[in-house]
Protein backbone atom coordinates (compact mmCIF):
# COMPACT_ATOMS: atom_id res chain seq x y z
CA MET A 1 4.33 -34.53 44.88
CA LYS A 2 5.39 -31.07 43.80
CA ARG A 3 5.32 -30.46 40.04
CA ASN A 4 8.45 -29.11 38.33
CA ASN A 5 7.54 -26.28 35.93
CA LEU A 6 11.07 -25.43 34.87
CA PRO A 7 11.01 -27.32 31.51
CA LEU A 8 7.67 -25.60 30.64
CA PHE A 9 9.20 -22.17 31.62
CA ALA A 10 12.33 -22.72 29.49
CA LEU A 11 10.27 -23.74 26.49
CA THR A 12 7.87 -20.72 26.91
CA LEU A 13 10.95 -18.37 26.99
CA THR A 14 12.50 -19.90 23.91
CA LEU A 15 9.40 -19.43 21.86
CA LEU A 16 9.01 -15.80 23.00
CA LEU A 17 12.62 -14.91 22.11
CA THR A 18 12.22 -16.74 18.66
CA ALA A 19 8.97 -14.67 18.01
CA CYS A 20 10.65 -11.44 18.96
CA GLY A 21 13.42 -12.07 16.48
CA ALA A 22 11.08 -12.62 13.45
CA GLY A 23 11.04 -9.80 10.84
CA SER A 24 8.50 -8.90 8.27
CA ALA A 25 8.71 -8.32 4.43
CA SER A 26 6.38 -6.37 2.10
CA PRO A 27 4.91 -8.51 -0.76
CA ALA A 28 5.46 -7.72 -4.51
CA ASP A 29 2.36 -6.99 -6.57
CA ASN A 30 1.59 -7.85 -10.15
CA ALA A 31 3.83 -6.72 -13.05
CA THR A 32 1.98 -3.74 -14.09
CA GLU A 33 1.37 -2.27 -10.66
CA ALA A 34 4.80 -2.25 -8.77
CA ALA A 35 6.90 0.35 -6.86
CA ALA A 36 10.52 1.57 -6.11
CA PRO A 37 12.65 2.88 -3.15
CA SER A 38 13.56 6.49 -2.39
CA ALA A 39 16.82 8.10 -1.51
CA GLY A 40 17.81 8.25 2.13
CA VAL A 41 15.68 5.16 3.00
CA SER A 42 17.42 1.94 3.75
CA GLN A 43 16.38 -1.04 1.61
CA ASP A 44 17.30 -4.77 1.02
CA ALA A 45 16.81 -6.24 -2.38
CA ALA A 46 15.38 -9.58 -3.08
CA ALA A 47 13.59 -11.47 -5.87
CA GLY A 48 9.77 -11.83 -5.98
CA GLU A 49 8.15 -15.11 -7.16
CA ASP A 50 7.04 -13.38 -10.46
CA GLY A 51 10.62 -12.05 -11.18
CA SER A 52 9.96 -8.59 -10.09
CA ALA A 53 12.22 -6.53 -7.91
CA LEU A 54 11.38 -6.46 -4.13
CA TRP A 55 12.65 -4.17 -1.63
CA MET A 56 12.33 -4.55 2.18
CA PRO A 57 13.28 -1.86 4.75
CA SER A 58 16.54 -2.62 6.56
CA SER A 59 19.20 -0.64 8.41
CA THR A 60 21.76 -0.92 5.65
CA GLU A 61 21.63 1.64 2.94
CA ILE A 62 22.20 0.36 -0.60
CA GLU A 63 22.41 2.26 -3.93
CA MET A 64 19.80 1.47 -6.48
CA ALA A 65 21.14 0.20 -9.78
CA GLN A 66 20.10 2.10 -12.84
CA SER A 67 20.31 0.09 -16.04
CA ASP A 68 21.17 1.89 -19.34
CA VAL A 69 18.18 0.28 -20.89
CA TYR A 70 15.92 2.84 -19.23
CA THR A 71 17.66 5.70 -21.01
CA ASP A 72 17.54 3.97 -24.38
CA PRO A 73 14.90 5.77 -26.59
CA ASP A 74 14.26 2.58 -28.58
CA ALA A 75 13.63 0.52 -25.50
CA LYS A 76 9.95 -0.20 -24.96
CA ILE A 77 9.90 -0.61 -21.09
CA ILE A 78 6.83 -0.10 -19.00
CA ARG A 79 7.91 1.01 -15.40
CA THR A 80 5.58 0.79 -12.57
CA ALA A 81 6.03 1.32 -8.82
CA GLU A 82 3.96 0.77 -5.70
CA LEU A 83 4.74 2.47 -2.45
CA ILE A 84 3.36 2.61 1.09
CA ILE A 85 4.34 5.77 2.85
CA GLN A 86 3.72 6.64 6.58
CA THR A 87 3.53 10.06 7.92
CA THR A 88 2.81 11.91 11.18
CA ASP A 89 1.97 15.12 9.32
CA PHE A 90 -0.70 14.15 6.74
CA GLY A 91 -1.47 17.59 5.41
CA GLN A 92 2.25 18.33 4.79
CA SER A 93 2.80 14.99 3.11
CA VAL A 94 -0.19 15.65 0.87
CA SER A 95 1.25 19.03 -0.19
CA ALA A 96 4.74 17.62 -0.65
CA LEU A 97 3.49 14.96 -2.90
CA ALA A 98 1.56 17.48 -5.09
CA GLN A 99 4.57 19.80 -5.38
CA LEU A 100 6.88 16.93 -6.23
CA THR A 101 4.55 15.70 -8.85
CA GLU A 102 4.38 19.19 -10.47
CA GLU A 103 8.13 19.67 -10.36
CA GLN A 104 8.81 16.27 -12.15
CA GLY A 105 6.28 17.12 -14.95
CA GLY A 106 3.78 14.45 -13.86
CA TYR A 107 -0.05 14.41 -13.08
CA TYR A 108 -2.55 12.65 -10.86
CA GLU A 109 -4.46 9.98 -12.67
CA THR A 110 -6.23 9.06 -9.41
CA ALA A 111 -6.32 10.96 -6.12
CA GLN A 112 -8.40 9.79 -3.18
CA ILE A 113 -8.31 10.89 0.45
CA GLN A 114 -10.25 8.98 3.25
CA GLU A 115 -10.91 10.89 6.49
CA GLY A 116 -12.82 9.96 9.67
CA ASP A 117 -16.62 9.86 9.57
CA TYR A 118 -18.91 11.58 12.19
CA GLN A 119 -18.33 8.80 14.71
CA GLN A 120 -14.51 8.80 14.28
CA GLN A 121 -13.57 12.28 13.09
CA ASN A 122 -10.20 11.98 14.72
CA ALA A 123 -9.36 8.59 13.00
CA ALA A 124 -6.17 8.17 11.10
CA ARG A 125 -6.45 9.48 7.49
CA THR A 126 -5.31 7.62 4.38
CA ALA A 127 -4.84 8.58 0.76
CA TYR A 128 -4.30 6.62 -2.51
CA TYR A 129 -2.79 8.18 -5.59
CA VAL A 130 -2.06 6.90 -9.08
CA VAL A 131 0.79 9.28 -10.34
CA ARG A 132 1.99 9.38 -13.89
CA ILE A 133 5.54 10.71 -14.28
CA PRO A 134 7.72 11.13 -17.46
CA ARG A 135 10.00 8.10 -17.77
CA GLU A 136 13.16 10.18 -17.70
CA ASN A 137 12.10 11.55 -14.32
CA PHE A 138 11.35 8.12 -12.77
CA THR A 139 14.48 7.85 -10.70
CA ALA A 140 14.33 11.50 -9.52
CA PHE A 141 10.76 11.08 -8.43
CA ARG A 142 11.32 7.80 -6.76
CA ASP A 143 14.39 9.05 -4.87
CA SER A 144 12.42 12.12 -3.50
CA MET A 145 9.86 10.07 -1.71
CA GLY A 146 11.64 10.85 1.57
CA GLU A 147 10.29 14.37 1.25
CA VAL A 148 6.76 13.03 1.49
CA GLY A 149 7.03 10.80 4.51
CA HIS A 150 8.63 7.56 5.79
CA LEU A 151 8.99 5.03 3.15
CA TYR A 152 7.41 1.80 4.66
CA SER A 153 7.21 -0.49 1.73
CA ILE A 154 8.18 -0.22 -2.02
CA THR A 155 8.15 -2.48 -5.08
CA GLU A 156 9.46 -1.74 -8.57
CA ASP A 157 8.75 -3.59 -11.80
CA SER A 158 9.75 -3.23 -15.42
CA GLN A 159 7.94 -4.95 -18.25
CA ASP A 160 9.58 -5.09 -21.73
CA VAL A 161 6.83 -4.84 -24.37
CA GLY A 162 9.25 -4.23 -27.23
CA GLU A 163 8.46 -7.39 -29.27
CA THR A 164 4.69 -6.86 -29.04
CA TYR A 165 5.10 -3.09 -29.82
CA TYR A 166 7.14 -3.57 -32.93
CA ASP A 167 4.96 -6.49 -34.14
CA THR A 168 2.03 -4.23 -33.78
CA GLU A 169 3.81 -1.35 -35.60
CA ALA A 170 4.79 -3.67 -38.43
CA ARG A 171 1.15 -4.93 -38.77
CA LEU A 172 -0.02 -1.35 -38.82
CA ALA A 173 2.29 -0.51 -41.64
CA THR A 174 1.12 -3.37 -43.76
CA LEU A 175 -2.53 -2.43 -43.18
CA THR A 176 -1.82 1.11 -44.11
CA THR A 177 -0.35 -0.12 -47.48
CA LYS A 178 -3.31 -2.32 -48.02
CA ARG A 179 -5.62 0.52 -47.37
CA GLU A 180 -3.89 2.71 -50.07
CA ARG A 181 -4.11 -0.14 -52.52
CA LEU A 182 -7.77 -0.59 -51.82
CA LEU A 183 -8.42 3.19 -52.25
CA SER A 184 -6.54 3.10 -55.65
CA LEU A 185 -8.66 0.19 -56.81
CA LEU A 186 -11.83 1.86 -55.55
CA GLU A 187 -11.11 4.95 -57.62
CA GLN A 188 -10.83 2.65 -60.77
CA ALA A 189 -13.83 0.55 -60.04
CA GLU A 190 -16.82 1.13 -62.18
CA ILE A 191 -19.16 -1.81 -61.46
CA MET A 192 -21.41 -1.35 -58.39
CA GLU A 193 -20.71 -4.83 -57.06
CA ASP A 194 -16.93 -4.22 -57.23
CA ILE A 195 -17.41 -0.86 -55.51
CA ILE A 196 -19.47 -2.43 -52.66
CA THR A 197 -16.90 -5.28 -52.16
CA LEU A 198 -13.93 -2.86 -52.07
CA GLU A 199 -15.81 -0.51 -49.60
CA ASN A 200 -16.49 -3.47 -47.25
CA ALA A 201 -12.84 -4.52 -47.45
CA LEU A 202 -11.80 -1.03 -46.93
CA ALA A 203 -13.96 -0.72 -43.73
CA ASP A 204 -12.48 -3.93 -42.38
CA VAL A 205 -8.95 -2.60 -42.95
CA GLN A 206 -9.77 0.76 -41.38
CA TYR A 207 -11.18 -0.96 -38.29
CA GLU A 208 -7.99 -3.00 -37.79
CA ILE A 209 -5.87 0.24 -38.34
CA ASP A 210 -7.83 2.09 -35.76
CA MET A 211 -7.57 -0.90 -33.32
CA HIS A 212 -3.76 -1.17 -33.76
CA THR A 213 -3.30 2.63 -33.61
CA ALA A 214 -5.15 2.77 -30.26
CA GLU A 215 -3.03 -0.16 -29.02
CA LEU A 216 0.23 1.70 -29.90
CA ARG A 217 -1.09 4.86 -28.34
CA LYS A 218 -1.75 3.05 -25.15
CA TYR A 219 1.74 1.48 -25.15
CA ASP A 220 3.22 4.98 -25.79
CA SER A 221 1.42 6.35 -22.81
CA LEU A 222 2.58 3.52 -20.55
CA ILE A 223 6.09 3.71 -21.80
CA ASN A 224 6.64 7.41 -21.80
CA TYR A 225 4.92 7.88 -18.37
CA ALA A 226 5.86 5.64 -15.57
CA THR A 227 3.08 4.69 -13.14
CA PHE A 228 3.43 5.17 -9.36
CA ARG A 229 0.70 3.90 -7.02
CA ILE A 230 1.13 5.46 -3.69
CA ASN A 231 -0.69 4.60 -0.47
CA LEU A 232 -0.27 7.43 2.14
CA GLU A 233 -0.96 6.49 5.80
CA GLU A 234 -1.30 8.73 8.74
CA VAL A 235 0.32 7.28 11.99
CA VAL A 236 0.58 8.69 15.58
CA LYS A 237 4.38 8.05 15.66
CA ILE A 238 7.04 6.32 13.81
CA THR A 239 9.54 4.26 15.89
CA GLN A 240 13.13 3.18 14.83
CA GLU A 241 13.52 -0.48 15.71
CA PRO A 242 16.93 -1.91 16.35
CA GLY A 243 18.61 -3.95 13.58
CA PRO A 244 20.25 -7.32 13.56
CA GLU A 245 23.72 -5.69 13.95
CA ASP A 246 22.73 -3.80 17.14
CA SER A 247 23.94 -5.00 20.48
CA PHE A 248 21.80 -6.87 23.11
CA GLY A 249 21.78 -3.79 25.27
CA VAL A 250 20.28 -1.70 22.46
CA LYS A 251 17.67 -4.31 21.77
CA LEU A 252 16.85 -4.68 25.53
CA SER A 253 16.47 -0.95 25.84
CA ALA A 254 14.25 -0.66 22.86
CA SER A 255 12.04 -3.44 24.17
CA LEU A 256 11.80 -1.85 27.65
CA LYS A 257 10.83 1.50 26.06
CA GLU A 258 8.23 -0.32 23.85
CA GLY A 259 6.85 -2.10 26.81
CA ALA A 260 6.57 1.02 28.89
CA ALA A 261 4.99 2.86 25.98
CA GLY A 262 2.54 -0.05 25.54
CA PHE A 263 1.60 0.00 29.20
CA GLY A 264 1.03 3.82 28.99
CA ASP A 265 -1.14 3.50 26.02
CA GLY A 266 -3.14 0.67 27.50
CA LEU A 267 -3.60 2.74 30.68
CA GLN A 268 -4.66 5.78 28.87
CA ALA A 269 -7.09 3.68 26.71
CA LEU A 270 -8.54 2.23 30.01
CA VAL A 271 -9.09 5.73 31.56
CA LEU A 272 -10.66 7.00 28.37
CA TRP A 273 -12.94 3.91 28.20
CA ILE A 274 -14.04 4.50 31.86
CA ALA A 275 -14.73 8.21 30.99
CA ARG A 276 -16.85 7.32 28.01
CA ASN A 277 -18.83 4.82 29.97
CA LEU A 278 -18.86 6.60 33.41
CA ILE A 279 -22.67 7.14 33.46
CA ALA A 280 -23.36 3.45 32.63
CA LEU A 281 -20.84 2.33 35.24
CA VAL A 282 -22.37 4.46 37.96
CA ILE A 283 -25.89 3.09 37.11
CA VAL A 284 -24.62 -0.43 37.11
CA ALA A 285 -22.70 0.12 40.44
CA ALA A 286 -25.91 1.67 42.01
CA LEU A 287 -28.08 -1.32 40.90
CA ALA A 288 -25.43 -3.70 42.26
CA VAL A 289 -25.47 -1.87 45.59
CA LEU A 290 -29.22 -1.90 45.67
CA GLY A 291 -29.29 -5.59 44.73
CA VAL A 292 -26.95 -6.44 47.51
CA TRP A 293 -28.96 -4.35 50.08
CA ILE A 294 -32.17 -6.03 49.06
CA GLY A 295 -30.56 -9.49 49.10
CA ARG A 296 -29.26 -8.89 52.67
CA ARG A 297 -32.67 -7.75 53.85
CA GLN A 298 -34.35 -10.79 52.37
CA TYR A 299 -31.66 -12.98 53.88
CA ARG A 300 -32.25 -11.55 57.39
CA LYS A 301 -36.01 -11.98 57.06
CA PHE A 302 -35.35 -15.62 56.09
CA ARG A 303 -32.94 -16.33 58.97
CA ASN A 304 -35.15 -14.50 61.48
CA PRO A 305 -38.83 -14.98 60.68
CA PRO A 306 -41.38 -12.67 62.72
CA GLY A 307 -42.70 -15.65 64.50
CA ASP A 308 -39.39 -16.63 65.99
CA SER A 309 -38.64 -13.32 67.69
CA GLY A 310 -39.61 -14.81 71.12
CA LYS A 311 -37.64 -18.04 70.96
């Protein structure tokens, strides 16, 4: 009985069409290490699990909302951003990022470039930067990322530390007043035991003052200078995939082009592999031919022993 494969073929075709229609989204990172989109790059906004803003590339351009809280000098907001940028001209992108950082009054906190080693000198290069930008230039710097390369993924986060900041500031003021009183008492003390006690208390208060002062300075640095964490990736080419609103013909054409490009890349990779292993392939082929020749001779001897020549 002939087996009918039509249901199996239909199921396979359905699964393939479903897989082709699936999209991808970039994950949001933690609250102090996030990123934001640039001008000229299409993004879709969504909410991350931790409440941070998450942008995913799409074919529809949207305008980024700019809250007035970011321009309030009394607001204690720590703004962070994390970006993945792709480029086909790595050197130009590195220079563009350096120039943009200088123009916006920022600086590199970290700059790391990874190139190919001796075995893979032509491998794709990558770079990682931690860039600090004055908070008033956050939007301008973010919206200029299109000058660096293709914005692949971006996440932006804002952390309000106003309550902690002002609590620390009030605590520092109280400790400063306490120190002044202890200094006044120390000037009036005459008994050695009282002097030692006051000096010990003064040392404790000074330690707390130094600790809270350092904490406020750290907050001031994070508030006044936004943090951008940028991953720069070198790619061979950047392709524009059709969006959900494109017609079936556009999607089919893009799929055919992608398939042809994939076949060409695979064929090229095969030819290069053969070229790299040509000597080994020639040796293996020669050994195979020799083995076949020896095997055939042994087979003839087995089929026609010397004693059977006259029979």
